[in-house]
Amino acid sequence: MDKEPKYTRLYSGENPVFEEGDIFRITIPLKRIATQKVGRENVPRNVPRNVPRMSPEELKSKIVEMIKNDSKVSRKFMAEELEVNEKTISRYIKEIANIRYVGKGKNGHWEIV
């Protein structure tokens, strides 16, 4: 209780008001500027984080090119090279009709049909 007046004076220049009754209450005076809402204007709500630097068609052609160059290339490697999320690579691979993965895990490989 000793520090409240000291720190409140630093922020507002006034002493807090202590009230004792059925309940104990402290009223801390604040400057008007401290009670105003700050920042909500001009801020878009859903700002995308991983915005692809290429169009979907460019990404798909790069994926096909990487698979042609190395049939054992991983989704993780493609994602790192193309600077997108691994799920983005998986989604685009599903959209490309003539690509399929044969085998399981590290023993498998990509085929372009």
PDB file of N, CA and C in Angstrom:
ATOM      1  N   MET A   1       0.812  -1.192   0.000  1.00  0.00           N
ATOM      2  CA  MET A   1       0.000   0.000   0.000  1.00  0.00           C
ATOM      3  C   MET A   1       0.858   1.259   0.000  1.00  0.00           C
ATOM      4  N   ASP A   2       2.115   1.128   0.312  1.00  0.00           N
ATOM      5  CA  ASP A   2       2.979   2.308   0.375  1.00  0.00           C
ATOM      6  C   ASP A   2       3.357   2.808  -1.008  1.00  0.00           C
ATOM      7  N   LYS A   3       3.388   1.924  -1.984  1.00  0.00           N
ATOM      8  CA  LYS A   3       3.903   2.295  -3.305  1.00  0.00           C
ATOM      9  C   LYS A   3       2.847   2.870  -4.244  1.00  0.00           C
ATOM     10  N   GLU A   4       1.563   2.627  -3.974  1.00  0.00           N
ATOM     11  CA  GLU A   4       0.515   3.103  -4.876  1.00  0.00           C
ATOM     12  C   GLU A   4       0.571   4.607  -5.103  1.00  0.00           C
ATOM     13  N   PRO A   5       0.604   5.433  -4.022  1.00  0.00           N
ATOM     14  CA  PRO A   5       0.643   6.882  -4.257  1.00  0.00           C
ATOM     15  C   PRO A   5       1.872   7.320  -5.042  1.00  0.00           C
ATOM     16  N   LYS A   6       3.003   6.707  -4.751  1.00  0.00           N
ATOM     17  CA  LYS A   6       4.253   7.065  -5.436  1.00  0.00           C
ATOM     18  C   LYS A   6       4.133   6.826  -6.941  1.00  0.00           C
ATOM     19  N   TYR A   7       3.687   5.636  -7.329  1.00  0.00           N
ATOM     20  CA  TYR A   7       3.611   5.300  -8.749  1.00  0.00           C
ATOM     21  C   TYR A   7       2.437   5.978  -9.448  1.00  0.00           C
ATOM     22  N   THR A   8       1.338   6.180  -8.735  1.00  0.00           N
ATOM     23  CA  THR A   8       0.198   6.854  -9.347  1.00  0.00           C
ATOM     24  C   THR A   8       0.559   8.298  -9.675  1.00  0.00           C
ATOM     25  N   ARG A   9       1.308   8.957  -8.786  1.00  0.00           N
ATOM     26  CA  ARG A   9       1.739  10.327  -9.047  1.00  0.00           C
ATOM     27  C   ARG A   9       2.619  10.392 -10.288  1.00  0.00           C
ATOM     28  N   LEU A  10       3.414   9.366 -10.523  1.00  0.00           N
ATOM     29  CA  LEU A  10       4.267   9.345 -11.720  1.00  0.00           C
ATOM     30  C   LEU A  10       3.435   9.336 -12.999  1.00  0.00           C
ATOM     31  N   TYR A  11       2.327   8.609 -12.990  1.00  0.00           N
ATOM     32  CA  TYR A  11       1.506   8.467 -14.190  1.00  0.00           C
ATOM     33  C   TYR A  11       0.471   9.572 -14.369  1.00  0.00           C
ATOM     34  N   SER A  12      -0.117  10.040 -13.260  1.00  0.00           N
ATOM     35  CA  SER A  12      -1.202  11.011 -13.420  1.00  0.00           C
ATOM     36  C   SER A  12      -0.946  12.346 -12.733  1.00  0.00           C
ATOM     37  N   GLY A  13       0.044  12.403 -11.872  1.00  0.00           N
ATOM     38  CA  GLY A  13       0.323  13.645 -11.158  1.00  0.00           C
ATOM     39  C   GLY A  13      -0.562  13.838  -9.935  1.00  0.00           C
ATOM     40  N   GLU A  14      -1.449  12.905  -9.641  1.00  0.00           N
ATOM     41  CA  GLU A  14      -2.358  13.023  -8.498  1.00  0.00           C
ATOM     42  C   GLU A  14      -2.254  11.783  -7.624  1.00  0.00           C
ATOM     43  N   ASN A  15      -2.743  11.908  -6.389  1.00  0.00           N
ATOM     44  CA  ASN A  15      -2.751  10.783  -5.457  1.00  0.00           C
ATOM     45  C   ASN A  15      -3.998   9.928  -5.670  1.00  0.00           C
ATOM     46  N   PRO A  16      -3.899   8.610  -5.421  1.00  0.00           N
ATOM     47  CA  PRO A  16      -5.092   7.767  -5.500  1.00  0.00           C
ATOM     48  C   PRO A  16      -6.003   8.054  -4.305  1.00  0.00           C
ATOM     49  N   VAL A  17      -7.278   7.712  -4.450  1.00  0.00           N
ATOM     50  CA  VAL A  17      -8.248   7.908  -3.371  1.00  0.00           C
ATOM     51  C   VAL A  17      -8.559   6.538  -2.775  1.00  0.00           C
ATOM     52  N   PHE A  18      -8.288   6.392  -1.458  1.00  0.00           N
ATOM     53  CA  PHE A  18      -8.563   5.138  -0.762  1.00  0.00           C
ATOM     54  C   PHE A  18      -9.881   5.278  -0.013  1.00  0.00           C
ATOM     55  N   GLU A  19     -10.793   4.322  -0.179  1.00  0.00           N
ATOM     56  CA  GLU A  19     -12.089   4.346   0.501  1.00  0.00           C
ATOM     57  C   GLU A  19     -12.277   3.023   1.232  1.00  0.00           C
ATOM     58  N   GLU A  20     -12.651   3.131   2.520  1.00  0.00           N
ATOM     59  CA  GLU A  20     -12.929   1.930   3.293  1.00  0.00           C
ATOM     60  C   GLU A  20     -14.373   1.950   3.729  1.00  0.00           C
ATOM     61  N   GLY A  21     -15.010   0.842   3.593  1.00  0.00           N
ATOM     62  CA  GLY A  21     -16.397   0.695   4.019  1.00  0.00           C
ATOM     63  C   GLY A  21     -16.671  -0.786   4.070  1.00  0.00           C
ATOM     64  N   ASP A  22     -17.800  -1.215   3.493  1.00  0.00           N
ATOM     65  CA  ASP A  22     -18.072  -2.647   3.393  1.00  0.00           C
ATOM     66  C   ASP A  22     -17.031  -3.318   2.496  1.00  0.00           C
ATOM     67  N   ILE A  23     -16.560  -2.559   1.514  1.00  0.00           N
ATOM     68  CA  ILE A  23     -15.485  -3.039   0.637  1.00  0.00           C
ATOM     69  C   ILE A  23     -14.379  -1.999   0.621  1.00  0.00           C
ATOM     70  N   PHE A  24     -13.211  -2.418   0.243  1.00  0.00           N
ATOM     71  CA  PHE A  24     -12.081  -1.509   0.132  1.00  0.00           C
ATOM     72  C   PHE A  24     -11.949  -1.120  -1.333  1.00  0.00           C
ATOM     73  N   ARG A  25     -11.839   0.176  -1.606  1.00  0.00           N
ATOM     74  CA  ARG A  25     -11.786   0.645  -2.989  1.00  0.00           C
ATOM     75  C   ARG A  25     -10.654   1.658  -3.141  1.00  0.00           C
ATOM     76  N   ILE A  26      -9.931   1.543  -4.265  1.00  0.00           N
ATOM     77  CA  ILE A  26      -8.910   2.525  -4.618  1.00  0.00           C
ATOM     78  C   ILE A  26      -9.327   3.138  -5.948  1.00  0.00           C
ATOM     79  N   THR A  27      -9.402   4.447  -6.006  1.00  0.00           N
ATOM     80  CA  THR A  27      -9.691   5.143  -7.255  1.00  0.00           C
ATOM     81  C   THR A  27      -8.393   5.771  -7.726  1.00  0.00           C
ATOM     82  N   ILE A  28      -7.952   5.341  -8.896  1.00  0.00           N
ATOM     83  CA  ILE A  28      -6.694   5.844  -9.446  1.00  0.00           C
ATOM     84  C   ILE A  28      -7.012   6.858 -10.524  1.00  0.00           C
ATOM     85  N   PRO A  29      -6.624   8.104 -10.319  1.00  0.00           N
ATOM     86  CA  PRO A  29      -6.896   9.120 -11.331  1.00  0.00           C
ATOM     87  C   PRO A  29      -5.996   8.920 -12.551  1.00  0.00           C
ATOM     88  N   LEU A  30      -6.593   9.024 -13.719  1.00  0.00           N
ATOM     89  CA  LEU A  30      -5.820   8.895 -14.957  1.00  0.00           C
ATOM     90  C   LEU A  30      -6.032  10.133 -15.813  1.00  0.00           C
ATOM     91  N   LYS A  31      -5.031  10.463 -16.577  1.00  0.00           N
ATOM     92  CA  LYS A  31      -5.179  11.569 -17.514  1.00  0.00           C
ATOM     93  C   LYS A  31      -6.142  11.143 -18.610  1.00  0.00           C
ATOM     94  N   ARG A  32      -6.821  12.106 -19.195  1.00  0.00           N
ATOM     95  CA  ARG A  32      -7.825  11.826 -20.219  1.00  0.00           C
ATOM     96  C   ARG A  32      -7.239  11.029 -21.383  1.00  0.00           C
ATOM     97  N   ILE A  33      -6.030  11.321 -21.769  1.00  0.00           N
ATOM     98  CA  ILE A  33      -5.417  10.635 -22.912  1.00  0.00           C
ATOM     99  C   ILE A  33      -5.234   9.143 -22.643  1.00  0.00           C
ATOM    100  N   ALA A  34      -5.056   8.762 -21.371  1.00  0.00           N
ATOM    101  CA  ALA A  34      -4.852   7.356 -21.024  1.00  0.00           C
ATOM    102  C   ALA A  34      -6.129   6.541 -21.142  1.00  0.00           C
ATOM    103  N   THR A  35      -7.277   7.198 -21.141  1.00  0.00           N
ATOM    104  CA  THR A  35      -8.540   6.470 -21.201  1.00  0.00           C
ATOM    105  C   THR A  35      -9.138   6.429 -22.598  1.00  0.00           C
ATOM    106  N   GLN A  36      -8.498   7.075 -23.558  1.00  0.00           N
ATOM    107  CA  GLN A  36      -9.006   7.071 -24.924  1.00  0.00           C
ATOM    108  C   GLN A  36      -8.629   5.776 -25.619  1.00  0.00           C
ATOM    109  N   LYS A  37      -9.480   5.340 -26.552  1.00  0.00           N
ATOM    110  CA  LYS A  37      -9.154   4.161 -27.353  1.00  0.00           C
ATOM    111  C   LYS A  37      -8.052   4.529 -28.321  1.00  0.00           C
ATOM    112  N   VAL A  38      -7.132   3.625 -28.490  1.00  0.00           N
ATOM    113  CA  VAL A  38      -5.997   3.893 -29.362  1.00  0.00           C
ATOM    114  C   VAL A  38      -5.890   2.815 -30.422  1.00  0.00           C
ATOM    115  N   GLY A  39      -5.645   3.205 -31.654  1.00  0.00           N
ATOM    116  CA  GLY A  39      -5.178   2.297 -32.669  1.00  0.00           C
ATOM    117  C   GLY A  39      -6.152   1.549 -33.540  1.00  0.00           C
ATOM    118  N   ARG A  40      -7.396   1.383 -33.247  1.00  0.00           N
ATOM    119  CA  ARG A  40      -8.260   0.495 -34.023  1.00  0.00           C
ATOM    120  C   ARG A  40      -8.557   0.980 -35.439  1.00  0.00           C
ATOM    121  N   GLU A  41      -8.423   2.264 -35.716  1.00  0.00           N
ATOM    122  CA  GLU A  41      -8.732   2.748 -37.057  1.00  0.00           C
ATOM    123  C   GLU A  41      -7.620   2.354 -38.032  1.00  0.00           C
ATOM    124  N   ASN A  42      -8.002   2.161 -39.266  1.00  0.00           N
ATOM    125  CA  ASN A  42      -7.078   1.905 -40.372  1.00  0.00           C
ATOM    126  C   ASN A  42      -6.254   0.628 -40.217  1.00  0.00           C
ATOM    127  N   VAL A  43      -6.684  -0.298 -39.392  1.00  0.00           N
ATOM    128  CA  VAL A  43      -5.962  -1.559 -39.244  1.00  0.00           C
ATOM    129  C   VAL A  43      -6.828  -2.660 -39.831  1.00  0.00           C
ATOM    130  N   PRO A  44      -6.378  -3.318 -40.925  1.00  0.00           N
ATOM    131  CA  PRO A  44      -7.173  -4.402 -41.498  1.00  0.00           C
ATOM    132  C   PRO A  44      -7.295  -5.559 -40.511  1.00  0.00           C
ATOM    133  N   ARG A  45      -8.444  -6.218 -40.513  1.00  0.00           N
ATOM    134  CA  ARG A  45      -8.676  -7.297 -39.558  1.00  0.00           C
ATOM    135  C   ARG A  45      -7.913  -8.574 -39.898  1.00  0.00           C
ATOM    136  N   ASN A  46      -8.053  -9.068 -41.098  1.00  0.00           N
ATOM    137  CA  ASN A  46      -7.440 -10.348 -41.464  1.00  0.00           C
ATOM    138  C   ASN A  46      -6.264 -10.121 -42.402  1.00  0.00           C
ATOM    139  N   VAL A  47      -5.126  -9.822 -41.838  1.00  0.00           N
ATOM    140  CA  VAL A  47      -3.936  -9.599 -42.648  1.00  0.00           C
ATOM    141  C   VAL A  47      -3.281 -10.955 -42.881  1.00  0.00           C
ATOM    142  N   PRO A  48      -3.162 -11.389 -44.138  1.00  0.00           N
ATOM    143  CA  PRO A  48      -2.539 -12.687 -44.404  1.00  0.00           C
ATOM    144  C   PRO A  48      -1.064 -12.670 -44.037  1.00  0.00           C
ATOM    145  N   ARG A  49      -0.575 -13.780 -43.533  1.00  0.00           N
ATOM    146  CA  ARG A  49       0.823 -13.855 -43.106  1.00  0.00           C
ATOM    147  C   ARG A  49       1.731 -14.400 -44.197  1.00  0.00           C
ATOM    148  N   ASN A  50       1.354 -15.518 -44.782  1.00  0.00           N
ATOM    149  CA  ASN A  50       2.196 -16.131 -45.810  1.00  0.00           C
ATOM    150  C   ASN A  50       1.596 -15.866 -47.181  1.00  0.00           C
ATOM    151  N   VAL A  51       1.766 -14.670 -47.660  1.00  0.00           N
ATOM    152  CA  VAL A  51       1.238 -14.326 -48.973  1.00  0.00           C
ATOM    153  C   VAL A  51       2.224 -14.838 -50.015  1.00  0.00           C
ATOM    154  N   PRO A  52       1.797 -15.727 -50.911  1.00  0.00           N
ATOM    155  CA  PRO A  52       2.724 -16.251 -51.919  1.00  0.00           C
ATOM    156  C   PRO A  52       3.230 -15.136 -52.821  1.00  0.00           C
ATOM    157  N   ARG A  53       4.503 -15.224 -53.167  1.00  0.00           N
ATOM    158  CA  ARG A  53       5.116 -14.224 -54.027  1.00  0.00           C
ATOM    159  C   ARG A  53       4.839 -14.513 -55.498  1.00  0.00           C
ATOM    160  N   MET A  54       4.297 -15.702 -55.776  1.00  0.00           N
ATOM    161  CA  MET A  54       3.989 -16.108 -57.152  1.00  0.00           C
ATOM    162  C   MET A  54       2.499 -16.404 -57.265  1.00  0.00           C
ATOM    163  N   SER A  55       2.016 -16.371 -58.486  1.00  0.00           N
ATOM    164  CA  SER A  55       0.617 -16.735 -58.719  1.00  0.00           C
ATOM    165  C   SER A  55       0.473 -18.250 -58.568  1.00  0.00           C
ATOM    166  N   PRO A  56      -0.739 -18.741 -58.350  1.00  0.00           N
ATOM    167  CA  PRO A  56      -0.945 -20.187 -58.240  1.00  0.00           C
ATOM    168  C   PRO A  56      -0.429 -20.956 -59.461  1.00  0.00           C
ATOM    169  N   GLU A  57      -0.626 -20.404 -60.645  1.00  0.00           N
ATOM    170  CA  GLU A  57      -0.156 -21.092 -61.862  1.00  0.00           C
ATOM    171  C   GLU A  57       1.370 -21.166 -61.902  1.00  0.00           C
ATOM    172  N   GLU A  58       2.037 -20.096 -61.479  1.00  0.00           N
ATOM    173  CA  GLU A  58       3.504 -20.110 -61.433  1.00  0.00           C
ATOM    174  C   GLU A  58       3.995 -21.147 -60.430  1.00  0.00           C
ATOM    175  N   LEU A  59       3.337 -21.204 -59.261  1.00  0.00           N
ATOM    176  CA  LEU A  59       3.722 -22.187 -58.248  1.00  0.00           C
ATOM    177  C   LEU A  59       3.550 -23.611 -58.767  1.00  0.00           C
ATOM    178  N   LYS A  60       2.427 -23.872 -59.424  1.00  0.00           N
ATOM    179  CA  LYS A  60       2.185 -25.216 -59.961  1.00  0.00           C
ATOM    180  C   LYS A  60       3.244 -25.595 -60.985  1.00  0.00           C
ATOM    181  N   SER A  61       3.614 -24.670 -61.856  1.00  0.00           N
ATOM    182  CA  SER A  61       4.628 -24.995 -62.866  1.00  0.00           C
ATOM    183  C   SER A  61       5.993 -25.213 -62.218  1.00  0.00           C
ATOM    184  N   LYS A  62       6.304 -24.469 -61.156  1.00  0.00           N
ATOM    185  CA  LYS A  62       7.575 -24.674 -60.433  1.00  0.00           C
ATOM    186  C   LYS A  62       7.583 -26.035 -59.748  1.00  0.00           C
ATOM    187  N   ILE A  63       6.442 -26.437 -59.188  1.00  0.00           N
ATOM    188  CA  ILE A  63       6.342 -27.746 -58.538  1.00  0.00           C
ATOM    189  C   ILE A  63       6.589 -28.851 -59.554  1.00  0.00           C
ATOM    190  N   VAL A  64       5.949 -28.767 -60.719  1.00  0.00           N
ATOM    191  CA  VAL A  64       6.134 -29.773 -61.776  1.00  0.00           C
ATOM    192  C   VAL A  64       7.596 -29.801 -62.208  1.00  0.00           C
ATOM    193  N   GLU A  65       8.193 -28.642 -62.363  1.00  0.00           N
ATOM    194  CA  GLU A  65       9.601 -28.551 -62.772  1.00  0.00           C
ATOM    195  C   GLU A  65      10.517 -29.204 -61.738  1.00  0.00           C
ATOM    196  N   MET A  66      10.257 -28.953 -60.449  1.00  0.00           N
ATOM    197  CA  MET A  66      11.080 -29.551 -59.390  1.00  0.00           C
ATOM    198  C   MET A  66      10.935 -31.066 -59.374  1.00  0.00           C
ATOM    199  N   ILE A  67       9.721 -31.566 -59.614  1.00  0.00           N
ATOM    200  CA  ILE A  67       9.498 -33.015 -59.637  1.00  0.00           C
ATOM    201  C   ILE A  67      10.171 -33.642 -60.853  1.00  0.00           C
ATOM    202  N   LYS A  68      10.155 -32.948 -61.995  1.00  0.00           N
ATOM    203  CA  LYS A  68      10.845 -33.460 -63.190  1.00  0.00           C
ATOM    204  C   LYS A  68      12.346 -33.555 -62.948  1.00  0.00           C
ATOM    205  N   ASN A  69      12.906 -32.585 -62.233  1.00  0.00           N
ATOM    206  CA  ASN A  69      14.349 -32.572 -61.960  1.00  0.00           C
ATOM    207  C   ASN A  69      14.761 -33.600 -60.915  1.00  0.00           C
ATOM    208  N   ASP A  70      13.875 -33.880 -59.946  1.00  0.00           N
ATOM    209  CA  ASP A  70      14.198 -34.832 -58.881  1.00  0.00           C
ATOM    210  C   ASP A  70      12.915 -35.514 -58.433  1.00  0.00           C
ATOM    211  N   SER A  71      12.739 -36.779 -58.816  1.00  0.00           N
ATOM    212  CA  SER A  71      11.489 -37.484 -58.503  1.00  0.00           C
ATOM    213  C   SER A  71      11.356 -37.809 -57.013  1.00  0.00           C
ATOM    214  N   LYS A  72      12.417 -37.662 -56.240  1.00  0.00           N
ATOM    215  CA  LYS A  72      12.360 -37.941 -54.804  1.00  0.00           C
ATOM    216  C   LYS A  72      12.316 -36.663 -53.963  1.00  0.00           C
ATOM    217  N   VAL A  73      12.065 -35.538 -54.618  1.00  0.00           N
ATOM    218  CA  VAL A  73      12.014 -34.260 -53.898  1.00  0.00           C
ATOM    219  C   VAL A  73      10.862 -34.274 -52.885  1.00  0.00           C
ATOM    220  N   SER A  74      11.102 -33.713 -51.705  1.00  0.00           N
ATOM    221  CA  SER A  74      10.072 -33.723 -50.654  1.00  0.00           C
ATOM    222  C   SER A  74       9.217 -32.461 -50.706  1.00  0.00           C
ATOM    223  N   ARG A  75       8.032 -32.576 -50.147  1.00  0.00           N
ATOM    224  CA  ARG A  75       7.145 -31.410 -50.055  1.00  0.00           C
ATOM    225  C   ARG A  75       7.804 -30.319 -49.211  1.00  0.00           C
ATOM    226  N   LYS A  76       8.488 -30.742 -48.161  1.00  0.00           N
ATOM    227  CA  LYS A  76       9.156 -29.791 -47.268  1.00  0.00           C
ATOM    228  C   LYS A  76      10.205 -28.989 -48.027  1.00  0.00           C
ATOM    229  N   PHE A  77      11.018 -29.670 -48.836  1.00  0.00           N
ATOM    230  CA  PHE A  77      12.051 -28.994 -49.622  1.00  0.00           C
ATOM    231  C   PHE A  77      11.421 -28.022 -50.619  1.00  0.00           C
ATOM    232  N   MET A  78      10.348 -28.469 -51.292  1.00  0.00           N
ATOM    233  CA  MET A  78       9.672 -27.596 -52.258  1.00  0.00           C
ATOM    234  C   MET A  78       9.128 -26.350 -51.559  1.00  0.00           C
ATOM    235  N   ALA A  79       8.543 -26.544 -50.377  1.00  0.00           N
ATOM    236  CA  ALA A  79       7.982 -25.419 -49.623  1.00  0.00           C
ATOM    237  C   ALA A  79       9.070 -24.417 -49.247  1.00  0.00           C
ATOM    238  N   GLU A  80      10.214 -24.926 -48.808  1.00  0.00           N
ATOM    239  CA  GLU A  80      11.319 -24.032 -48.436  1.00  0.00           C
ATOM    240  C   GLU A  80      11.849 -23.278 -49.647  1.00  0.00           C
ATOM    241  N   GLU A  81      12.024 -23.982 -50.755  1.00  0.00           N
ATOM    242  CA  GLU A  81      12.558 -23.353 -51.964  1.00  0.00           C
ATOM    243  C   GLU A  81      11.606 -22.305 -52.541  1.00  0.00           C
ATOM    244  N   LEU A  82      10.319 -22.594 -52.501  1.00  0.00           N
ATOM    245  CA  LEU A  82       9.329 -21.692 -53.088  1.00  0.00           C
ATOM    246  C   LEU A  82       8.783 -20.677 -52.077  1.00  0.00           C
ATOM    247  N   GLU A  83       9.274 -20.770 -50.844  1.00  0.00           N
ATOM    248  CA  GLU A  83       8.903 -19.846 -49.767  1.00  0.00           C
ATOM    249  C   GLU A  83       7.397 -19.798 -49.512  1.00  0.00           C
ATOM    250  N   VAL A  84       6.808 -20.988 -49.423  1.00  0.00           N
ATOM    251  CA  VAL A  84       5.396 -21.116 -49.066  1.00  0.00           C
ATOM    252  C   VAL A  84       5.274 -22.196 -48.000  1.00  0.00           C
ATOM    253  N   ASN A  85       4.091 -22.347 -47.459  1.00  0.00           N
ATOM    254  CA  ASN A  85       3.818 -23.350 -46.451  1.00  0.00           C
ATOM    255  C   ASN A  85       3.742 -24.737 -47.100  1.00  0.00           C
ATOM    256  N   GLU A  86       4.097 -25.762 -46.351  1.00  0.00           N
ATOM    257  CA  GLU A  86       4.043 -27.142 -46.858  1.00  0.00           C
ATOM    258  C   GLU A  86       2.615 -27.540 -47.254  1.00  0.00           C
ATOM    259  N   LYS A  87       1.623 -27.028 -46.539  1.00  0.00           N
ATOM    260  CA  LYS A  87       0.223 -27.326 -46.878  1.00  0.00           C
ATOM    261  C   LYS A  87      -0.148 -26.716 -48.227  1.00  0.00           C
ATOM    262  N   THR A  88       0.450 -25.580 -48.559  1.00  0.00           N
ATOM    263  CA  THR A  88       0.203 -24.954 -49.861  1.00  0.00           C
ATOM    264  C   THR A  88       0.710 -25.868 -50.965  1.00  0.00           C
ATOM    265  N   ILE A  89       1.884 -26.454 -50.777  1.00  0.00           N
ATOM    266  CA  ILE A  89       2.449 -27.389 -51.760  1.00  0.00           C
ATOM    267  C   ILE A  89       1.506 -28.576 -51.924  1.00  0.00           C
ATOM    268  N   SER A  90       1.055 -29.152 -50.815  1.00  0.00           N
ATOM    269  CA  SER A  90       0.146 -30.307 -50.874  1.00  0.00           C
ATOM    270  C   SER A  90      -1.149 -29.958 -51.603  1.00  0.00           C
ATOM    271  N   ARG A  91      -1.687 -28.778 -51.325  1.00  0.00           N
ATOM    272  CA  ARG A  91      -2.934 -28.359 -51.975  1.00  0.00           C
ATOM    273  C   ARG A  91      -2.752 -28.229 -53.483  1.00  0.00           C
ATOM    274  N   TYR A  92      -1.644 -27.619 -53.924  1.00  0.00           N
ATOM    275  CA  TYR A  92      -1.411 -27.443 -55.356  1.00  0.00           C
ATOM    276  C   TYR A  92      -1.107 -28.772 -56.044  1.00  0.00           C
ATOM    277  N   ILE A  93      -0.433 -29.680 -55.349  1.00  0.00           N
ATOM    278  CA  ILE A  93      -0.157 -30.997 -55.936  1.00  0.00           C
ATOM    279  C   ILE A  93      -1.478 -31.731 -56.197  1.00  0.00           C
ATOM    280  N   LYS A  94      -2.442 -31.608 -55.281  1.00  0.00           N
ATOM    281  CA  LYS A  94      -3.756 -32.235 -55.484  1.00  0.00           C
ATOM    282  C   LYS A  94      -4.463 -31.657 -56.705  1.00  0.00           C
ATOM    283  N   GLU A  95      -4.230 -30.373 -56.970  1.00  0.00           N
ATOM    284  CA  GLU A  95      -4.879 -29.709 -58.107  1.00  0.00           C
ATOM    285  C   GLU A  95      -4.236 -30.074 -59.444  1.00  0.00           C
ATOM    286  N   ILE A  96      -2.972 -30.518 -59.412  1.00  0.00           N
ATOM    287  CA  ILE A  96      -2.287 -30.900 -60.650  1.00  0.00           C
ATOM    288  C   ILE A  96      -2.671 -32.346 -60.949  1.00  0.00           C
ATOM    289  N   ALA A  97      -3.379 -32.560 -62.034  1.00  0.00           N
ATOM    290  CA  ALA A  97      -3.978 -33.869 -62.329  1.00  0.00           C
ATOM    291  C   ALA A  97      -2.959 -34.962 -62.640  1.00  0.00           C
ATOM    292  N   ASN A  98      -1.858 -34.649 -63.278  1.00  0.00           N
ATOM    293  CA  ASN A  98      -0.962 -35.697 -63.776  1.00  0.00           C
ATOM    294  C   ASN A  98       0.208 -36.008 -62.843  1.00  0.00           C
ATOM    295  N   ILE A  99       0.125 -35.659 -61.574  1.00  0.00           N
ATOM    296  CA  ILE A  99       1.197 -35.973 -60.619  1.00  0.00           C
ATOM    297  C   ILE A  99       0.649 -36.921 -59.566  1.00  0.00           C
ATOM    298  N   ARG A 100       1.438 -37.953 -59.249  1.00  0.00           N
ATOM    299  CA  ARG A 100       1.062 -38.848 -58.158  1.00  0.00           C
ATOM    300  C   ARG A 100       2.318 -39.326 -57.450  1.00  0.00           C
ATOM    301  N   TYR A 101       2.157 -39.686 -56.183  1.00  0.00           N
ATOM    302  CA  TYR A 101       3.268 -40.176 -55.376  1.00  0.00           C
ATOM    303  C   TYR A 101       3.147 -41.684 -55.278  1.00  0.00           C
ATOM    304  N   VAL A 102       4.201 -42.400 -55.650  1.00  0.00           N
ATOM    305  CA  VAL A 102       4.211 -43.861 -55.631  1.00  0.00           C
ATOM    306  C   VAL A 102       5.110 -44.316 -54.493  1.00  0.00           C
ATOM    307  N   GLY A 103       4.611 -45.211 -53.656  1.00  0.00           N
ATOM    308  CA  GLY A 103       5.392 -45.703 -52.529  1.00  0.00           C
ATOM    309  C   GLY A 103       4.987 -45.015 -51.241  1.00  0.00           C
ATOM    310  N   LYS A 104       5.774 -45.277 -50.196  1.00  0.00           N
ATOM    311  CA  LYS A 104       5.470 -44.705 -48.891  1.00  0.00           C
ATOM    312  C   LYS A 104       6.682 -43.957 -48.353  1.00  0.00           C
ATOM    313  N   GLY A 105       6.397 -42.835 -47.738  1.00  0.00           N
ATOM    314  CA  GLY A 105       7.432 -42.074 -47.039  1.00  0.00           C
ATOM    315  C   GLY A 105       8.662 -41.784 -47.870  1.00  0.00           C
ATOM    316  N   LYS A 106       9.832 -42.023 -47.257  1.00  0.00           N
ATOM    317  CA  LYS A 106      11.108 -41.709 -47.912  1.00  0.00           C
ATOM    318  C   LYS A 106      11.456 -42.687 -49.032  1.00  0.00           C
ATOM    319  N   ASN A 107      10.798 -43.837 -49.062  1.00  0.00           N
ATOM    320  CA  ASN A 107      11.092 -44.828 -50.100  1.00  0.00           C
ATOM    321  C   ASN A 107      10.328 -44.567 -51.392  1.00  0.00           C
ATOM    322  N   GLY A 108       9.364 -43.676 -51.358  1.00  0.00           N
ATOM    323  CA  GLY A 108       8.540 -43.402 -52.529  1.00  0.00           C
ATOM    324  C   GLY A 108       9.157 -42.358 -53.445  1.00  0.00           C
ATOM    325  N   HIS A 109       8.445 -42.088 -54.553  1.00  0.00           N
ATOM    326  CA  HIS A 109       8.905 -41.079 -55.509  1.00  0.00           C
ATOM    327  C   HIS A 109       7.701 -40.515 -56.264  1.00  0.00           C
ATOM    328  N   TRP A 110       7.905 -39.377 -56.907  1.00  0.00           N
ATOM    329  CA  TRP A 110       6.858 -38.726 -57.689  1.00  0.00           C
ATOM    330  C   TRP A 110       6.859 -39.253 -59.114  1.00  0.00           C
ATOM    331  N   GLU A 111       5.678 -39.372 -59.681  1.00  0.00           N
ATOM    332  CA  GLU A 111       5.555 -39.740 -61.092  1.00  0.00           C
ATOM    333  C   GLU A 111       4.663 -38.727 -61.789  1.00  0.00           C
ATOM    334  N   ILE A 112       5.084 -38.331 -62.986  1.00  0.00           N
ATOM    335  CA  ILE A 112       4.251 -37.471 -63.821  1.00  0.00           C
ATOM    336  C   ILE A 112       3.680 -38.356 -64.904  1.00  0.00           C
ATOM    337  N   VAL A 113       2.354 -38.507 -64.927  1.00  0.00           N
ATOM    338  CA  VAL A 113       1.699 -39.426 -65.851  1.00  0.00           C
ATOM    339  C   VAL A 113       1.265 -38.720 -67.111  1.00  0.00           C
TER     340      VAL A 113
END
